[in-house]
Structure formats: structure tokens, C-alpha cells
Amino acid sequence: MILLEDAQIRPAVKEDGPKVIEMLKKVAQWMREQEINQWQYLLNGGDDKEILEAIKQKETFIVLNDEELIATFTLSTIQSDWDRHIFGGETEGDSVYLHRLAVLPVHIGKGLGKELLNWIEKNFSTDKAYLKLDCVADNSKLNQFYLENGFHYLGETDHHSKYEKKLFS
């Protein structure tokens, strides 16, 4: 089992882009094989440009264990078009948005995702009040994971569950 204390978390750089995309496609393929309806659009290059742009904007982080990419996530303090679609327009600008939290399938179910959420809360320096995310509404295991990790269910928009968690700075 990999513990986060044994791993390195750092912002992704341009050269990491192909590895991040490859890893996200591996996770999407694994989800397809598990009959989980999430991220299938990634398999055909959907979001490749957005993923590379998030890396360029220094919003994407990678988790390395002995130089192997084992997880990734993106944090944005600015609402994307997708965030506005799911959560509505934010007038206060009081949220940071978590996207594409992914753990290699071999490490799923071993607590790494929970450790990453804790790391984000403790280490992502921001003046924002909330951490928000969404996931496909019928992905019951993922919905349960967010509830078990202190997120509050805000409802559903366009078949996506919406969650938020109060950040303490």
C-alpha cells in the first residue's frame, strides 16, 4: 500500500501532459470495464486540450511514487463553463473546484483518494471558503466516497451529483 507520505505531490509541468492524459485514459478504460459510467469521453481524446491547458495554468497536480505517476487532480479557483452549468454562476467567487481526481486502478480502494482529499484541504493555499466537485449521479460508489469524506450533497444537475465541503484556512 502506498501512503501519501511516501509519495511526491507537485504541480504538473508541460512535459507531464502526455503522461497525465495517458493515466486518465487508463482510469477511464478501467471504469468502462467495471461498467462505471464516468469519463468515457476521455477515451476518444475528449478534454485533451482542456487537460493540457490546466497543466499550463498550473492547476493540475501529479502524485509520484518512485517516479511513477499514480494519481492526479486539478484544482481551479475560477469557474469553468462546466462548473457554471453544474453549480450555476458564482457571484461571490468563494469556491475552488476539484476536477479529474484520478488514482491508478491498482491503488483504488487503498485509501489514497481519501489521503489526497485531506492533502488538498491542508495544503492547497486559498482564500476560498468551499471545495466543490461533481460526479456522475449513478456512480454510487464515488458518490458514497465523497459523502464519507465530509462532502455535503447539494443536489443534481444534468445527471451529475454536486458536492461541497467547507474549507478551513
N, C-alpha and C. Protein backbone atom coordinates (compact mmCIF):
# COMPACT_ATOMS: atom_id res chain seq x y z
N MET A 1 0.84 -1.19 0.00
CA MET A 1 0.00 0.00 0.00
C MET A 1 0.88 1.24 0.00
N ILE A 2 0.54 2.18 -0.84
CA ILE A 2 1.28 3.43 -0.92
C ILE A 2 0.63 4.44 0.00
N LEU A 3 1.44 5.05 0.83
CA LEU A 3 0.98 6.14 1.67
C LEU A 3 1.41 7.44 1.04
N LEU A 4 0.60 8.46 1.20
CA LEU A 4 0.91 9.74 0.60
C LEU A 4 2.22 10.31 1.13
N GLU A 5 2.56 9.99 2.38
CA GLU A 5 3.82 10.49 2.95
C GLU A 5 5.03 9.93 2.21
N ASP A 6 4.86 8.82 1.51
CA ASP A 6 5.96 8.23 0.73
C ASP A 6 5.97 8.74 -0.70
N ALA A 7 4.99 9.51 -1.08
CA ALA A 7 4.86 9.98 -2.46
C ALA A 7 5.24 11.46 -2.55
N GLN A 8 5.41 11.90 -3.78
CA GLN A 8 5.69 13.31 -4.05
C GLN A 8 4.49 13.90 -4.77
N ILE A 9 4.00 15.03 -4.29
CA ILE A 9 2.92 15.74 -4.96
C ILE A 9 3.50 17.07 -5.43
N ARG A 10 3.30 17.34 -6.70
CA ARG A 10 3.81 18.60 -7.26
C ARG A 10 2.93 19.06 -8.40
N PRO A 11 2.97 20.35 -8.72
CA PRO A 11 2.24 20.81 -9.90
C PRO A 11 2.80 20.13 -11.15
N ALA A 12 1.92 19.77 -12.05
CA ALA A 12 2.34 19.17 -13.31
C ALA A 12 2.97 20.26 -14.18
N VAL A 13 3.94 19.87 -15.00
CA VAL A 13 4.56 20.78 -15.96
C VAL A 13 4.23 20.26 -17.36
N LYS A 14 4.49 21.10 -18.35
CA LYS A 14 4.14 20.78 -19.73
C LYS A 14 4.56 19.37 -20.14
N GLU A 15 5.77 18.97 -19.74
CA GLU A 15 6.29 17.66 -20.12
C GLU A 15 5.49 16.50 -19.51
N ASP A 16 4.73 16.78 -18.46
CA ASP A 16 3.90 15.75 -17.82
C ASP A 16 2.59 15.52 -18.56
N GLY A 17 2.23 16.44 -19.46
CA GLY A 17 0.93 16.38 -20.14
C GLY A 17 0.59 15.03 -20.74
N PRO A 18 1.46 14.46 -21.59
CA PRO A 18 1.12 13.16 -22.18
C PRO A 18 0.93 12.05 -21.14
N LYS A 19 1.72 12.07 -20.05
CA LYS A 19 1.57 11.05 -19.01
C LYS A 19 0.25 11.21 -18.26
N VAL A 20 -0.15 12.46 -18.02
CA VAL A 20 -1.42 12.71 -17.32
C VAL A 20 -2.58 12.24 -18.18
N ILE A 21 -2.55 12.58 -19.47
CA ILE A 21 -3.62 12.15 -20.37
C ILE A 21 -3.66 10.62 -20.46
N GLU A 22 -2.51 9.99 -20.59
CA GLU A 22 -2.46 8.53 -20.66
C GLU A 22 -3.03 7.90 -19.39
N MET A 23 -2.67 8.45 -18.23
CA MET A 23 -3.18 7.90 -16.98
C MET A 23 -4.70 8.06 -16.88
N LEU A 24 -5.21 9.24 -17.24
CA LEU A 24 -6.66 9.46 -17.20
C LEU A 24 -7.39 8.50 -18.14
N LYS A 25 -6.80 8.21 -19.28
CA LYS A 25 -7.41 7.25 -20.21
C LYS A 25 -7.37 5.83 -19.63
N LYS A 26 -6.30 5.48 -18.92
CA LYS A 26 -6.24 4.17 -18.26
C LYS A 26 -7.36 4.04 -17.23
N VAL A 27 -7.57 5.11 -16.47
CA VAL A 27 -8.62 5.09 -15.45
C VAL A 27 -9.99 5.02 -16.13
N ALA A 28 -10.17 5.77 -17.22
CA ALA A 28 -11.45 5.74 -17.95
C ALA A 28 -11.71 4.34 -18.53
N GLN A 29 -10.66 3.70 -19.04
CA GLN A 29 -10.82 2.35 -19.58
C GLN A 29 -11.18 1.37 -18.46
N TRP A 30 -10.53 1.50 -17.31
CA TRP A 30 -10.84 0.64 -16.17
C TRP A 30 -12.30 0.83 -15.77
N MET A 31 -12.76 2.09 -15.74
CA MET A 31 -14.16 2.35 -15.38
C MET A 31 -15.10 1.72 -16.39
N ARG A 32 -14.76 1.80 -17.66
CA ARG A 32 -15.59 1.16 -18.69
C ARG A 32 -15.68 -0.33 -18.43
N GLU A 33 -14.54 -0.96 -18.12
CA GLU A 33 -14.52 -2.40 -17.86
C GLU A 33 -15.32 -2.76 -16.61
N GLN A 34 -15.40 -1.84 -15.65
CA GLN A 34 -16.17 -2.06 -14.42
C GLN A 34 -17.64 -1.66 -14.60
N GLU A 35 -17.99 -1.23 -15.81
CA GLU A 35 -19.34 -0.75 -16.14
C GLU A 35 -19.74 0.45 -15.30
N ILE A 36 -18.76 1.33 -15.08
CA ILE A 36 -19.00 2.59 -14.38
C ILE A 36 -19.11 3.67 -15.45
N ASN A 37 -20.23 4.38 -15.43
CA ASN A 37 -20.49 5.40 -16.44
C ASN A 37 -19.83 6.72 -16.04
N GLN A 38 -18.54 6.82 -16.28
CA GLN A 38 -17.81 8.04 -15.93
C GLN A 38 -16.61 8.16 -16.86
N TRP A 39 -16.40 9.33 -17.43
CA TRP A 39 -15.20 9.68 -18.19
C TRP A 39 -15.01 8.94 -19.50
N GLN A 40 -16.06 8.34 -20.06
CA GLN A 40 -15.88 7.60 -21.31
C GLN A 40 -15.41 8.51 -22.45
N TYR A 41 -15.79 9.79 -22.40
CA TYR A 41 -15.39 10.75 -23.43
C TYR A 41 -13.87 10.94 -23.48
N LEU A 42 -13.18 10.66 -22.38
CA LEU A 42 -11.72 10.80 -22.35
C LEU A 42 -11.03 9.79 -23.27
N LEU A 43 -11.65 8.65 -23.48
CA LEU A 43 -11.04 7.60 -24.29
C LEU A 43 -10.84 8.03 -25.74
N ASN A 44 -11.65 8.96 -26.22
CA ASN A 44 -11.54 9.43 -27.60
C ASN A 44 -10.89 10.80 -27.70
N GLY A 45 -10.14 11.19 -26.65
CA GLY A 45 -9.45 12.47 -26.70
C GLY A 45 -10.27 13.63 -26.19
N GLY A 46 -11.49 13.36 -25.70
CA GLY A 46 -12.29 14.42 -25.13
C GLY A 46 -11.56 15.03 -23.94
N ASP A 47 -11.46 16.31 -23.88
CA ASP A 47 -10.80 17.08 -22.82
C ASP A 47 -9.28 17.12 -22.90
N ASP A 48 -8.67 16.51 -23.92
CA ASP A 48 -7.20 16.56 -24.02
C ASP A 48 -6.69 18.00 -23.98
N LYS A 49 -7.32 18.87 -24.77
CA LYS A 49 -6.89 20.28 -24.80
C LYS A 49 -7.10 20.94 -23.45
N GLU A 50 -8.24 20.66 -22.83
CA GLU A 50 -8.54 21.25 -21.52
C GLU A 50 -7.54 20.75 -20.47
N ILE A 51 -7.18 19.48 -20.53
CA ILE A 51 -6.20 18.91 -19.59
C ILE A 51 -4.86 19.60 -19.75
N LEU A 52 -4.42 19.77 -20.99
CA LEU A 52 -3.14 20.43 -21.24
C LEU A 52 -3.17 21.90 -20.82
N GLU A 53 -4.31 22.56 -21.02
CA GLU A 53 -4.45 23.95 -20.60
C GLU A 53 -4.40 24.08 -19.08
N ALA A 54 -5.03 23.14 -18.37
CA ALA A 54 -4.99 23.16 -16.90
C ALA A 54 -3.56 22.96 -16.39
N ILE A 55 -2.79 22.15 -17.10
CA ILE A 55 -1.37 21.97 -16.74
C ILE A 55 -0.63 23.28 -16.97
N LYS A 56 -0.87 23.89 -18.12
CA LYS A 56 -0.23 25.17 -18.45
C LYS A 56 -0.56 26.24 -17.40
N GLN A 57 -1.79 26.23 -16.91
CA GLN A 57 -2.24 27.21 -15.91
C GLN A 57 -1.81 26.85 -14.49
N LYS A 58 -1.07 25.75 -14.35
CA LYS A 58 -0.57 25.27 -13.05
C LYS A 58 -1.70 24.90 -12.09
N GLU A 59 -2.79 24.35 -12.66
CA GLU A 59 -3.93 23.91 -11.86
C GLU A 59 -3.91 22.40 -11.62
N THR A 60 -3.12 21.68 -12.38
CA THR A 60 -3.09 20.22 -12.29
C THR A 60 -1.89 19.78 -11.45
N PHE A 61 -2.14 18.82 -10.59
CA PHE A 61 -1.11 18.26 -9.72
C PHE A 61 -0.93 16.79 -10.06
N ILE A 62 0.28 16.30 -9.87
CA ILE A 62 0.53 14.88 -10.06
C ILE A 62 1.11 14.31 -8.78
N VAL A 63 0.85 13.02 -8.59
CA VAL A 63 1.34 12.28 -7.43
C VAL A 63 2.26 11.20 -7.96
N LEU A 64 3.50 11.23 -7.50
CA LEU A 64 4.52 10.30 -7.97
C LEU A 64 4.98 9.41 -6.82
N ASN A 65 5.18 8.15 -7.14
CA ASN A 65 5.78 7.20 -6.20
C ASN A 65 6.95 6.57 -6.95
N ASP A 66 8.16 6.84 -6.50
CA ASP A 66 9.36 6.36 -7.21
C ASP A 66 9.29 6.71 -8.69
N GLU A 67 8.96 7.96 -8.98
CA GLU A 67 8.88 8.50 -10.34
C GLU A 67 7.70 7.97 -11.17
N GLU A 68 6.88 7.07 -10.60
CA GLU A 68 5.70 6.56 -11.30
C GLU A 68 4.50 7.44 -10.97
N LEU A 69 3.79 7.87 -12.01
CA LEU A 69 2.57 8.65 -11.84
C LEU A 69 1.47 7.73 -11.33
N ILE A 70 0.99 8.00 -10.11
CA ILE A 70 -0.03 7.13 -9.52
C ILE A 70 -1.38 7.82 -9.32
N ALA A 71 -1.38 9.16 -9.40
CA ALA A 71 -2.63 9.90 -9.21
C ALA A 71 -2.47 11.31 -9.76
N THR A 72 -3.60 11.95 -10.01
CA THR A 72 -3.61 13.33 -10.48
C THR A 72 -4.92 13.98 -10.07
N PHE A 73 -4.90 15.30 -10.01
CA PHE A 73 -6.11 16.07 -9.76
C PHE A 73 -5.88 17.49 -10.24
N THR A 74 -6.98 18.18 -10.49
CA THR A 74 -6.93 19.56 -10.94
C THR A 74 -7.77 20.41 -9.99
N LEU A 75 -7.22 21.55 -9.59
CA LEU A 75 -7.90 22.50 -8.72
C LEU A 75 -7.94 23.85 -9.41
N SER A 76 -9.13 24.40 -9.53
CA SER A 76 -9.28 25.69 -10.18
C SER A 76 -10.05 26.65 -9.29
N THR A 77 -9.53 27.85 -9.16
CA THR A 77 -10.22 28.87 -8.36
C THR A 77 -11.15 29.71 -9.22
N ILE A 78 -11.18 29.40 -10.51
CA ILE A 78 -12.05 30.12 -11.44
C ILE A 78 -13.06 29.13 -12.02
N GLN A 79 -14.33 29.51 -12.00
CA GLN A 79 -15.37 28.64 -12.55
C GLN A 79 -15.19 28.44 -14.04
N SER A 80 -15.23 27.19 -14.47
CA SER A 80 -15.23 26.87 -15.90
C SER A 80 -16.67 26.92 -16.40
N ASP A 81 -16.83 26.81 -17.71
CA ASP A 81 -18.18 26.74 -18.28
C ASP A 81 -18.94 25.56 -17.68
N TRP A 82 -18.23 24.43 -17.48
CA TRP A 82 -18.86 23.24 -16.90
C TRP A 82 -19.31 23.52 -15.47
N ASP A 83 -18.45 24.17 -14.67
CA ASP A 83 -18.81 24.50 -13.29
C ASP A 83 -20.06 25.39 -13.25
N ARG A 84 -20.12 26.38 -14.14
CA ARG A 84 -21.30 27.26 -14.19
C ARG A 84 -22.54 26.46 -14.58
N HIS A 85 -22.38 25.52 -15.50
CA HIS A 85 -23.51 24.68 -15.92
C HIS A 85 -24.02 23.84 -14.74
N ILE A 86 -23.11 23.26 -13.98
CA ILE A 86 -23.50 22.36 -12.90
C ILE A 86 -23.92 23.12 -11.64
N PHE A 87 -23.14 24.12 -11.24
CA PHE A 87 -23.37 24.80 -9.96
C PHE A 87 -24.10 26.13 -10.11
N GLY A 88 -24.21 26.65 -11.31
CA GLY A 88 -24.74 27.99 -11.51
C GLY A 88 -23.61 29.00 -11.34
N GLY A 89 -23.85 30.19 -11.80
CA GLY A 89 -22.83 31.24 -11.71
C GLY A 89 -22.58 31.64 -10.26
N GLU A 90 -21.32 31.80 -9.95
CA GLU A 90 -20.94 32.19 -8.59
C GLU A 90 -20.71 33.68 -8.52
N THR A 91 -21.49 34.36 -7.71
CA THR A 91 -21.29 35.81 -7.59
C THR A 91 -20.20 36.13 -6.58
N GLU A 92 -20.05 35.30 -5.57
CA GLU A 92 -19.06 35.55 -4.52
C GLU A 92 -17.66 35.09 -4.90
N GLY A 93 -17.56 34.10 -5.78
CA GLY A 93 -16.25 33.55 -6.12
C GLY A 93 -15.58 32.92 -4.91
N ASP A 94 -16.38 32.19 -4.11
CA ASP A 94 -15.88 31.67 -2.83
C ASP A 94 -15.50 30.19 -2.88
N SER A 95 -15.34 29.62 -4.09
CA SER A 95 -15.10 28.18 -4.19
C SER A 95 -13.88 27.86 -5.04
N VAL A 96 -13.27 26.74 -4.70
CA VAL A 96 -12.25 26.12 -5.55
C VAL A 96 -12.88 24.83 -6.07
N TYR A 97 -12.64 24.53 -7.35
CA TYR A 97 -13.29 23.39 -8.00
C TYR A 97 -12.29 22.28 -8.24
N LEU A 98 -12.67 21.08 -7.81
CA LEU A 98 -11.84 19.89 -7.98
C LEU A 98 -12.34 19.13 -9.20
N HIS A 99 -11.40 18.86 -10.12
CA HIS A 99 -11.71 18.12 -11.34
C HIS A 99 -10.70 16.99 -11.53
N ARG A 100 -11.15 15.95 -12.18
CA ARG A 100 -10.29 14.85 -12.62
C ARG A 100 -9.39 14.30 -11.52
N LEU A 101 -9.97 14.08 -10.34
CA LEU A 101 -9.24 13.35 -9.29
C LEU A 101 -9.20 11.90 -9.73
N ALA A 102 -8.00 11.41 -9.99
CA ALA A 102 -7.87 10.05 -10.52
C ALA A 102 -6.71 9.34 -9.84
N VAL A 103 -6.96 8.09 -9.50
CA VAL A 103 -5.95 7.21 -8.90
C VAL A 103 -5.83 6.00 -9.81
N LEU A 104 -4.60 5.56 -10.08
CA LEU A 104 -4.42 4.36 -10.90
C LEU A 104 -5.25 3.22 -10.31
N PRO A 105 -5.91 2.44 -11.15
CA PRO A 105 -6.77 1.36 -10.65
C PRO A 105 -6.11 0.42 -9.65
N VAL A 106 -4.83 0.13 -9.80
CA VAL A 106 -4.15 -0.77 -8.88
C VAL A 106 -4.13 -0.22 -7.44
N HIS A 107 -4.32 1.09 -7.29
CA HIS A 107 -4.30 1.71 -5.97
C HIS A 107 -5.68 2.10 -5.45
N ILE A 108 -6.72 1.86 -6.25
CA ILE A 108 -8.08 2.20 -5.84
C ILE A 108 -8.50 1.30 -4.67
N GLY A 109 -9.18 1.90 -3.71
CA GLY A 109 -9.69 1.15 -2.56
C GLY A 109 -8.67 0.97 -1.45
N LYS A 110 -7.54 1.67 -1.54
CA LYS A 110 -6.48 1.52 -0.54
C LYS A 110 -6.28 2.79 0.29
N GLY A 111 -7.20 3.74 0.14
CA GLY A 111 -7.14 4.95 0.96
C GLY A 111 -6.40 6.12 0.35
N LEU A 112 -5.84 5.97 -0.85
CA LEU A 112 -5.08 7.05 -1.47
C LEU A 112 -5.99 8.24 -1.82
N GLY A 113 -7.17 7.97 -2.32
CA GLY A 113 -8.11 9.05 -2.65
C GLY A 113 -8.46 9.88 -1.43
N LYS A 114 -8.72 9.22 -0.32
CA LYS A 114 -9.04 9.92 0.93
C LYS A 114 -7.84 10.76 1.38
N GLU A 115 -6.64 10.19 1.27
CA GLU A 115 -5.44 10.94 1.64
C GLU A 115 -5.26 12.17 0.76
N LEU A 116 -5.57 12.03 -0.52
CA LEU A 116 -5.45 13.17 -1.43
C LEU A 116 -6.44 14.27 -1.06
N LEU A 117 -7.67 13.91 -0.73
CA LEU A 117 -8.64 14.92 -0.31
C LEU A 117 -8.15 15.64 0.95
N ASN A 118 -7.59 14.89 1.89
CA ASN A 118 -7.05 15.50 3.11
C ASN A 118 -5.87 16.42 2.77
N TRP A 119 -5.00 15.98 1.86
CA TRP A 119 -3.86 16.79 1.46
C TRP A 119 -4.32 18.11 0.85
N ILE A 120 -5.32 18.03 -0.02
CA ILE A 120 -5.86 19.23 -0.67
C ILE A 120 -6.34 20.21 0.39
N GLU A 121 -7.10 19.71 1.36
CA GLU A 121 -7.63 20.59 2.41
C GLU A 121 -6.52 21.25 3.22
N LYS A 122 -5.46 20.51 3.51
CA LYS A 122 -4.39 21.02 4.37
C LYS A 122 -3.35 21.84 3.63
N ASN A 123 -3.15 21.56 2.34
CA ASN A 123 -2.01 22.14 1.64
C ASN A 123 -2.33 23.09 0.51
N PHE A 124 -3.56 23.08 0.02
CA PHE A 124 -3.88 23.98 -1.08
C PHE A 124 -4.24 25.33 -0.49
N SER A 125 -3.33 26.25 -0.62
CA SER A 125 -3.49 27.57 -0.04
C SER A 125 -4.44 28.41 -0.88
N THR A 126 -5.53 28.81 -0.27
CA THR A 126 -6.52 29.61 -0.98
C THR A 126 -7.34 30.40 0.03
N ASP A 127 -7.93 31.46 -0.44
CA ASP A 127 -8.83 32.24 0.42
C ASP A 127 -10.28 31.84 0.18
N LYS A 128 -10.49 30.76 -0.55
CA LYS A 128 -11.84 30.31 -0.87
C LYS A 128 -12.45 29.57 0.32
N ALA A 129 -13.75 29.61 0.40
CA ALA A 129 -14.46 29.01 1.54
C ALA A 129 -14.86 27.55 1.30
N TYR A 130 -15.02 27.16 0.03
CA TYR A 130 -15.56 25.83 -0.26
C TYR A 130 -14.73 25.11 -1.32
N LEU A 131 -14.69 23.79 -1.17
CA LEU A 131 -14.16 22.90 -2.20
C LEU A 131 -15.37 22.24 -2.83
N LYS A 132 -15.55 22.40 -4.14
CA LYS A 132 -16.71 21.85 -4.83
C LYS A 132 -16.27 20.87 -5.90
N LEU A 133 -17.14 19.90 -6.16
CA LEU A 133 -16.88 18.91 -7.20
C LEU A 133 -18.20 18.32 -7.66
N ASP A 134 -18.14 17.62 -8.77
CA ASP A 134 -19.31 16.90 -9.24
C ASP A 134 -18.87 15.54 -9.74
N CYS A 135 -19.82 14.63 -9.83
CA CYS A 135 -19.57 13.31 -10.41
C CYS A 135 -20.88 12.79 -10.97
N VAL A 136 -20.78 11.80 -11.83
CA VAL A 136 -21.98 11.22 -12.43
C VAL A 136 -22.89 10.69 -11.32
N ALA A 137 -24.15 11.05 -11.39
CA ALA A 137 -25.09 10.73 -10.32
C ALA A 137 -25.27 9.23 -10.09
N ASP A 138 -25.17 8.43 -11.15
CA ASP A 138 -25.40 7.00 -10.96
C ASP A 138 -24.12 6.22 -10.62
N ASN A 139 -23.03 6.91 -10.34
CA ASN A 139 -21.80 6.27 -9.88
C ASN A 139 -21.89 6.20 -8.35
N SER A 140 -22.60 5.18 -7.87
CA SER A 140 -22.94 5.11 -6.43
C SER A 140 -21.71 5.02 -5.53
N LYS A 141 -20.70 4.27 -5.94
CA LYS A 141 -19.50 4.15 -5.09
C LYS A 141 -18.79 5.49 -4.94
N LEU A 142 -18.68 6.23 -6.02
CA LEU A 142 -18.00 7.53 -5.95
C LEU A 142 -18.82 8.53 -5.15
N ASN A 143 -20.13 8.51 -5.32
CA ASN A 143 -20.99 9.39 -4.53
C ASN A 143 -20.84 9.08 -3.04
N GLN A 144 -20.81 7.80 -2.70
CA GLN A 144 -20.64 7.38 -1.30
C GLN A 144 -19.27 7.81 -0.77
N PHE A 145 -18.24 7.70 -1.61
CA PHE A 145 -16.88 8.10 -1.24
C PHE A 145 -16.85 9.58 -0.82
N TYR A 146 -17.48 10.44 -1.60
CA TYR A 146 -17.47 11.86 -1.25
C TYR A 146 -18.27 12.14 0.02
N LEU A 147 -19.39 11.47 0.19
CA LEU A 147 -20.16 11.64 1.43
C LEU A 147 -19.34 11.18 2.65
N GLU A 148 -18.66 10.06 2.52
CA GLU A 148 -17.84 9.53 3.62
C GLU A 148 -16.65 10.42 3.93
N ASN A 149 -16.29 11.29 3.01
CA ASN A 149 -15.15 12.17 3.21
C ASN A 149 -15.57 13.61 3.52
N GLY A 150 -16.78 13.75 4.05
CA GLY A 150 -17.21 15.04 4.60
C GLY A 150 -17.82 16.02 3.63
N PHE A 151 -18.08 15.59 2.40
CA PHE A 151 -18.71 16.49 1.44
C PHE A 151 -20.22 16.47 1.64
N HIS A 152 -20.85 17.59 1.38
CA HIS A 152 -22.30 17.72 1.50
C HIS A 152 -22.93 17.69 0.11
N TYR A 153 -23.93 16.86 -0.02
CA TYR A 153 -24.66 16.72 -1.28
C TYR A 153 -25.52 17.95 -1.49
N LEU A 154 -25.39 18.59 -2.65
CA LEU A 154 -26.14 19.81 -2.95
C LEU A 154 -27.29 19.59 -3.92
N GLY A 155 -27.40 18.36 -4.45
CA GLY A 155 -28.44 18.09 -5.43
C GLY A 155 -27.83 17.59 -6.72
N GLU A 156 -28.65 17.61 -7.76
CA GLU A 156 -28.23 17.04 -9.04
C GLU A 156 -28.58 18.00 -10.17
N THR A 157 -27.66 18.12 -11.10
CA THR A 157 -27.88 18.89 -12.32
C THR A 157 -27.39 18.06 -13.49
N ASP A 158 -28.23 17.87 -14.48
CA ASP A 158 -27.84 17.18 -15.71
C ASP A 158 -27.18 15.83 -15.43
N HIS A 159 -27.78 15.05 -14.54
CA HIS A 159 -27.32 13.72 -14.17
C HIS A 159 -25.95 13.72 -13.47
N HIS A 160 -25.60 14.83 -12.82
CA HIS A 160 -24.35 14.93 -12.06
C HIS A 160 -24.68 15.37 -10.64
N SER A 161 -24.15 14.62 -9.68
CA SER A 161 -24.29 14.99 -8.28
C SER A 161 -23.34 16.13 -7.98
N LYS A 162 -23.80 17.08 -7.17
CA LYS A 162 -22.98 18.23 -6.79
C LYS A 162 -22.65 18.13 -5.31
N TYR A 163 -21.37 18.40 -4.99
CA TYR A 163 -20.90 18.31 -3.62
C TYR A 163 -20.07 19.54 -3.27
N GLU A 164 -20.08 19.88 -1.97
CA GLU A 164 -19.18 20.90 -1.47
C GLU A 164 -18.73 20.54 -0.07
N LYS A 165 -17.58 21.09 0.30
CA LYS A 165 -17.04 20.90 1.63
C LYS A 165 -16.45 22.22 2.07
N LYS A 166 -16.76 22.62 3.29
CA LYS A 166 -16.24 23.87 3.85
C LYS A 166 -14.74 23.72 4.07
N LEU A 167 -13.99 24.70 3.58
CA LEU A 167 -12.54 24.72 3.79
C LEU A 167 -12.22 25.59 5.00
N PHE A 168 -11.27 25.17 5.78
CA PHE A 168 -10.83 25.97 6.92
C PHE A 168 -9.42 26.42 6.65
N SER A 169 -9.22 27.73 6.55
CA SER A 169 -7.87 28.22 6.28
C SER A 169 -7.20 28.75 7.53
